[in-house]
C-alpha atoms as a PDB file:
ATOM      1  CA  UNK A   1     -59.479-125.682-103.475  1.00  0.00           C
ATOM      2  CA  UNK A   2     -58.529-126.960-106.911  1.00  0.00           C
ATOM      3  CA  UNK A   3     -57.746-124.457-109.639  1.00  0.00           C
ATOM      4  CA  UNK A   4     -59.274-125.011-113.056  1.00  0.00           C
ATOM      5  CA  UNK A   5     -56.684-126.317-115.511  1.00  0.00           C
ATOM      6  CA  UNK A   6     -56.658-124.383-118.773  1.00  0.00           C
ATOM      7  CA  UNK A   7     -56.310-126.374-121.969  1.00  0.00           C
ATOM      8  CA  UNK A   8     -52.824-125.965-123.418  1.00  0.00           C
ATOM      9  CA  UNK A   9     -53.105-125.086-127.107  1.00  0.00           C
ATOM     10  CA  UNK A  10     -49.350-125.131-127.805  1.00  0.00           C
ATOM     11  CA  UNK A  11     -46.223-126.089-125.905  1.00  0.00           C
ATOM     12  CA  UNK A  12     -42.551-126.428-126.702  1.00  0.00           C
ATOM     13  CA  UNK A  13     -39.087-126.081-125.236  1.00  0.00           C
ATOM     14  CA  UNK A  14     -36.206-123.866-126.194  1.00  0.00           C
ATOM     15  CA  UNK A  15     -34.084-125.928-128.607  1.00  0.00           C
ATOM     16  CA  UNK A  16     -30.374-126.263-129.048  1.00  0.00           C
ATOM     17  CA  UNK A  17     -29.948-126.908-132.759  1.00  0.00           C
ATOM     18  CA  UNK A  18     -32.913-129.259-133.232  1.00  0.00           C
ATOM     19  CA  UNK A  19     -32.638-130.907-129.794  1.00  0.00           C
ATOM     20  CA  UNK A  20     -35.051-129.744-127.065  1.00  0.00           C
ATOM     21  CA  UNK A  21     -32.329-129.878-124.354  1.00  0.00           C
ATOM     22  CA  UNK A  22     -33.330-126.929-122.218  1.00  0.00           C
ATOM     23  CA  UNK A  23     -34.963-126.016-118.950  1.00  0.00           C
ATOM     24  CA  UNK A  24     -37.020-123.307-120.649  1.00  0.00           C
ATOM     25  CA  UNK A  25     -40.587-124.363-121.455  1.00  0.00           C
ATOM     26  CA  UNK A  26     -43.194-122.333-123.309  1.00  0.00           C
ATOM     27  CA  UNK A  27     -46.958-122.801-123.483  1.00  0.00           C
ATOM     28  CA  UNK A  28     -50.019-120.946-124.735  1.00  0.00           C
ATOM     29  CA  UNK A  29     -53.555-121.317-123.442  1.00  0.00           C
ATOM     30  CA  UNK A  30     -56.722-119.537-124.535  1.00  0.00           C
ATOM     31  CA  UNK A  31     -55.880-116.531-122.321  1.00  0.00           C
ATOM     32  CA  UNK A  32     -52.173-116.728-121.345  1.00  0.00           C
ATOM     33  CA  UNK A  33     -48.623-117.012-122.636  1.00  0.00           C
ATOM     34  CA  UNK A  34     -46.531-118.934-120.081  1.00  0.00           C
ATOM     35  CA  UNK A  35     -42.759-119.274-119.740  1.00  0.00           C
ATOM     36  CA  UNK A  36     -41.175-121.616-117.212  1.00  0.00           C
ATOM     37  CA  UNK A  37     -37.365-121.202-116.913  1.00  0.00           C
ATOM     38  CA  UNK A  38     -34.713-122.838-114.804  1.00  0.00           C
ATOM     39  CA  UNK A  39     -33.726-126.003-113.007  1.00  0.00           C
ATOM     40  CA  UNK A  40     -32.364-125.091-109.567  1.00  0.00           C
ATOM     41  CA  UNK A  41     -34.091-121.712-109.492  1.00  0.00           C
ATOM     42  CA  UNK A  42     -37.329-121.657-111.470  1.00  0.00           C
ATOM     43  CA  UNK A  43     -39.007-118.526-112.799  1.00  0.00           C
ATOM     44  CA  UNK A  44     -42.569-118.703-114.040  1.00  0.00           C
ATOM     45  CA  UNK A  45     -43.802-115.806-116.195  1.00  0.00           C
ATOM     46  CA  UNK A  46     -47.374-115.422-117.356  1.00  0.00           C
ATOM     47  CA  UNK A  47     -48.639-112.775-119.769  1.00  0.00           C
ATOM     48  CA  UNK A  48     -52.298-112.138-120.484  1.00  0.00           C
ATOM     49  CA  UNK A  49     -52.854-112.387-124.230  1.00  0.00           C
ATOM     50  CA  UNK A  50     -55.030-109.278-124.450  1.00  0.00           C
ATOM     51  CA  UNK A  51     -52.028-107.206-123.312  1.00  0.00           C
ATOM     52  CA  UNK A  52     -49.965-108.246-126.339  1.00  0.00           C
ATOM     53  CA  UNK A  53     -49.713-105.499-128.942  1.00  0.00           C
ATOM     54  CA  UNK A  54     -47.376-106.984-131.557  1.00  0.00           C
ATOM     55  CA  UNK A  55     -45.767-110.285-132.582  1.00  0.00           C
ATOM     56  CA  UNK A  56     -42.574-110.678-134.641  1.00  0.00           C
ATOM     57  CA  UNK A  57     -40.828-113.719-136.129  1.00  0.00           C
ATOM     58  CA  UNK A  58     -37.049-113.819-136.500  1.00  0.00           C
ATOM     59  CA  UNK A  59     -35.190-116.688-138.174  1.00  0.00           C
ATOM     60  CA  UNK A  60     -31.416-116.659-138.492  1.00  0.00           C
ATOM     61  CA  UNK A  61     -29.675-118.794-141.087  1.00  0.00           C
ATOM     62  CA  UNK A  62     -28.810-121.359-138.405  1.00  0.00           C
ATOM     63  CA  UNK A  63     -32.395-121.470-137.183  1.00  0.00           C
ATOM     64  CA  UNK A  64     -33.586-122.063-140.737  1.00  0.00           C
ATOM     65  CA  UNK A  65     -31.143-124.969-141.066  1.00  0.00           C
ATOM     66  CA  UNK A  66     -32.418-126.584-137.865  1.00  0.00           C
ATOM     67  CA  UNK A  67     -36.124-125.798-138.397  1.00  0.00           C
ATOM     68  CA  UNK A  68     -36.470-123.389-135.487  1.00  0.00           C
ATOM     69  CA  UNK A  69     -37.055-119.662-135.019  1.00  0.00           C
ATOM     70  CA  UNK A  70     -37.612-116.971-132.421  1.00  0.00           C
ATOM     71  CA  UNK A  71     -40.994-115.336-131.868  1.00  0.00           C
ATOM     72  CA  UNK A  72     -40.850-111.942-130.167  1.00  0.00           C
ATOM     73  CA  UNK A  73     -43.980-110.806-128.358  1.00  0.00           C
ATOM     74  CA  UNK A  74     -44.375-107.136-127.428  1.00  0.00           C
ATOM     75  CA  UNK A  75     -46.757-106.307-124.596  1.00  0.00           C
ATOM     76  CA  UNK A  76     -48.020-103.329-122.622  1.00  0.00           C
ATOM     77  CA  UNK A  77     -46.842-104.407-119.199  1.00  0.00           C
ATOM     78  CA  UNK A  78     -44.375-102.847-116.820  1.00  0.00           C
ATOM     79  CA  UNK A  79     -42.321-105.945-116.020  1.00  0.00           C
ATOM     80  CA  UNK A  80     -41.305-107.238-119.432  1.00  0.00           C
ATOM     81  CA  UNK A  81     -42.196-105.338-122.593  1.00  0.00           C
ATOM     82  CA  UNK A  82     -40.595-107.841-124.981  1.00  0.00           C
ATOM     83  CA  UNK A  83     -40.832-111.601-124.506  1.00  0.00           C
ATOM     84  CA  UNK A  84     -38.839-114.018-126.649  1.00  0.00           C
ATOM     85  CA  UNK A  85     -39.811-117.580-127.416  1.00  0.00           C
ATOM     86  CA  UNK A  86     -36.335-118.634-128.534  1.00  0.00           C
ATOM     87  CA  UNK A  87     -35.450-121.476-130.873  1.00  0.00           C
ATOM     88  CA  UNK A  88     -38.910-123.032-131.064  1.00  0.00           C
ATOM     89  CA  UNK A  89     -40.182-125.518-133.645  1.00  0.00           C
ATOM     90  CA  UNK A  90     -42.754-124.332-136.222  1.00  0.00           C
ATOM     91  CA  UNK A  91     -42.285-120.618-135.385  1.00  0.00           C
ATOM     92  CA  UNK A  92     -44.550-119.374-138.222  1.00  0.00           C
ATOM     93  CA  UNK A  93     -47.439-121.449-136.904  1.00  0.00           C
ATOM     94  CA  UNK A  94     -46.808-120.226-133.334  1.00  0.00           C
ATOM     95  CA  UNK A  95     -46.716-116.571-134.420  1.00  0.00           C
ATOM     96  CA  UNK A  96     -49.997-116.995-136.296  1.00  0.00           C
ATOM     97  CA  UNK A  97     -51.610-118.861-133.366  1.00  0.00           C
ATOM     98  CA  UNK A  98     -50.635-116.141-130.876  1.00  0.00           C
ATOM     99  CA  UNK A  99     -51.877-113.368-133.188  1.00  0.00           C
ATOM    100  CA  UNK A 100     -55.234-115.102-133.683  1.00  0.00           C
ATOM    101  CA  UNK A 101     -55.659-115.781-129.954  1.00  0.00           C
ATOM    102  CA  UNK A 102     -54.811-112.169-129.087  1.00  0.00           C
ATOM    103  CA  UNK A 103     -57.531-110.893-131.435  1.00  0.00           C
ATOM    104  CA  UNK A 104     -60.011-113.477-130.162  1.00  0.00           C
ATOM    105  CA  UNK A 105     -59.478-112.687-126.472  1.00  0.00           C
ATOM    106  CA  UNK A 106     -59.591-108.915-127.130  1.00  0.00           C
ATOM    107  CA  UNK A 107     -62.934-109.327-128.880  1.00  0.00           C
ATOM    108  CA  UNK A 108     -64.282-111.521-126.067  1.00  0.00           C
ATOM    109  CA  UNK A 109     -63.171-109.072-123.369  1.00  0.00           C
ATOM    110  CA  UNK A 110     -64.139-106.038-125.462  1.00  0.00           C
ATOM    111  CA  UNK A 111     -60.661-104.557-125.101  1.00  0.00           C
ATOM    112  CA  UNK A 112     -60.086-101.570-127.365  1.00  0.00           C
ATOM    113  CA  UNK A 113     -56.959 -99.645-128.279  1.00  0.00           C
ATOM    114  CA  UNK A 114     -57.357 -96.841-125.737  1.00  0.00           C
ATOM    115  CA  UNK A 115     -56.274 -99.217-122.936  1.00  0.00           C
ATOM    116  CA  UNK A 116     -52.914 -99.493-124.709  1.00  0.00           C
ATOM    117  CA  UNK A 117     -52.349 -96.245-126.530  1.00  0.00           C
ATOM    118  CA  UNK A 118     -53.649 -93.581-124.184  1.00  0.00           C
ATOM    119  CA  UNK A 119     -56.586 -91.247-124.547  1.00  0.00           C
ATOM    120  CA  UNK A 120     -58.214 -91.710-127.967  1.00  0.00           C
ATOM    121  CA  UNK A 121     -54.958 -93.042-129.426  1.00  0.00           C
ATOM    122  CA  UNK A 122     -53.162 -89.733-128.762  1.00  0.00           C
ATOM    123  CA  UNK A 123     -49.761 -89.257-127.246  1.00  0.00           C
ATOM    124  CA  UNK A 124     -49.720 -87.900-123.683  1.00  0.00           C
ATOM    125  CA  UNK A 125     -50.092 -84.117-123.606  1.00  0.00           C
ATOM    126  CA  UNK A 126     -47.039 -82.091-122.696  1.00  0.00           C
ATOM    127  CA  UNK A 127     -46.669 -79.279-120.183  1.00  0.00           C
ATOM    128  CA  UNK A 128     -45.298 -76.538-122.441  1.00  0.00           C
ATOM    129  CA  UNK A 129     -45.638 -73.594-120.034  1.00  0.00           C
ATOM    130  CA  UNK A 130     -44.152 -75.381-116.992  1.00  0.00           C
ATOM    131  CA  UNK A 131     -47.153 -74.903-114.676  1.00  0.00           C
ATOM    132  CA  UNK A 132     -47.396 -78.634-113.903  1.00  0.00           C
ATOM    133  CA  UNK A 133     -50.647 -79.069-115.838  1.00  0.00           C
ATOM    134  CA  UNK A 134     -50.630 -80.731-119.268  1.00  0.00           C
ATOM    135  CA  UNK A 135     -51.567 -78.185-121.916  1.00  0.00           C
ATOM    136  CA  UNK A 136     -54.717 -78.879-123.910  1.00  0.00           C
ATOM    137  CA  UNK A 137     -54.506 -78.328-127.658  1.00  0.00           C
ATOM    138  CA  UNK A 138     -56.155 -75.062-128.684  1.00  0.00           C
ATOM    139  CA  UNK A 139     -58.741 -75.892-131.315  1.00  0.00           C
ATOM    140  CA  UNK A 140     -60.033 -72.284-131.554  1.00  0.00           C
ATOM    141  CA  UNK A 141     -57.155 -71.023-133.686  1.00  0.00           C
ATOM    142  CA  UNK A 142     -59.435 -70.106-136.623  1.00  0.00           C
ATOM    143  CA  UNK A 143     -60.982 -66.746-137.532  1.00  0.00           C
ATOM    144  CA  UNK A 144     -63.450 -65.010-135.190  1.00  0.00           C
ATOM    145  CA  UNK A 145     -67.055 -64.336-136.177  1.00  0.00           C
ATOM    146  CA  UNK A 146     -65.998 -60.997-137.702  1.00  0.00           C
ATOM    147  CA  UNK A 147     -63.305 -62.689-139.858  1.00  0.00           C
ATOM    148  CA  UNK A 148     -60.283 -61.482-137.847  1.00  0.00           C
ATOM    149  CA  UNK A 149     -57.760 -63.994-136.448  1.00  0.00           C
ATOM    150  CA  UNK A 150     -57.566 -64.678-132.708  1.00  0.00           C
ATOM    151  CA  UNK A 151     -54.431 -63.492-131.012  1.00  0.00           C
END
């Protein structure tokens, strides 16, 4: 059985100064961010784009001199919450491409924020009384029908 090859929209290697002498390769397809590291022992990491929640660009003075930068990708996965695409060429373009693809794939898959941020964007409820059951917020803290406060 032959697997369908996804079109690679961007690819690069980790650079040393401006030379791409590295065994770390990066690529982005319509749905995935892929990292292939190593020579003798190879590690292949794949992250689904819809699981990415934030993208950051960092450029040190040296990276600016050599035309590279580091794109940090933050995701909601258990294995690796922060992924770095280190010393890549055209980092601003890559950051923008990843951000656009993330939004596109989320819209296509109808992924909304609650998959990432918990119930209705709220923080998990705490167990304040120690009974092992998360305490629900009490929304009936206002005055009773007769105007007196609840106790």
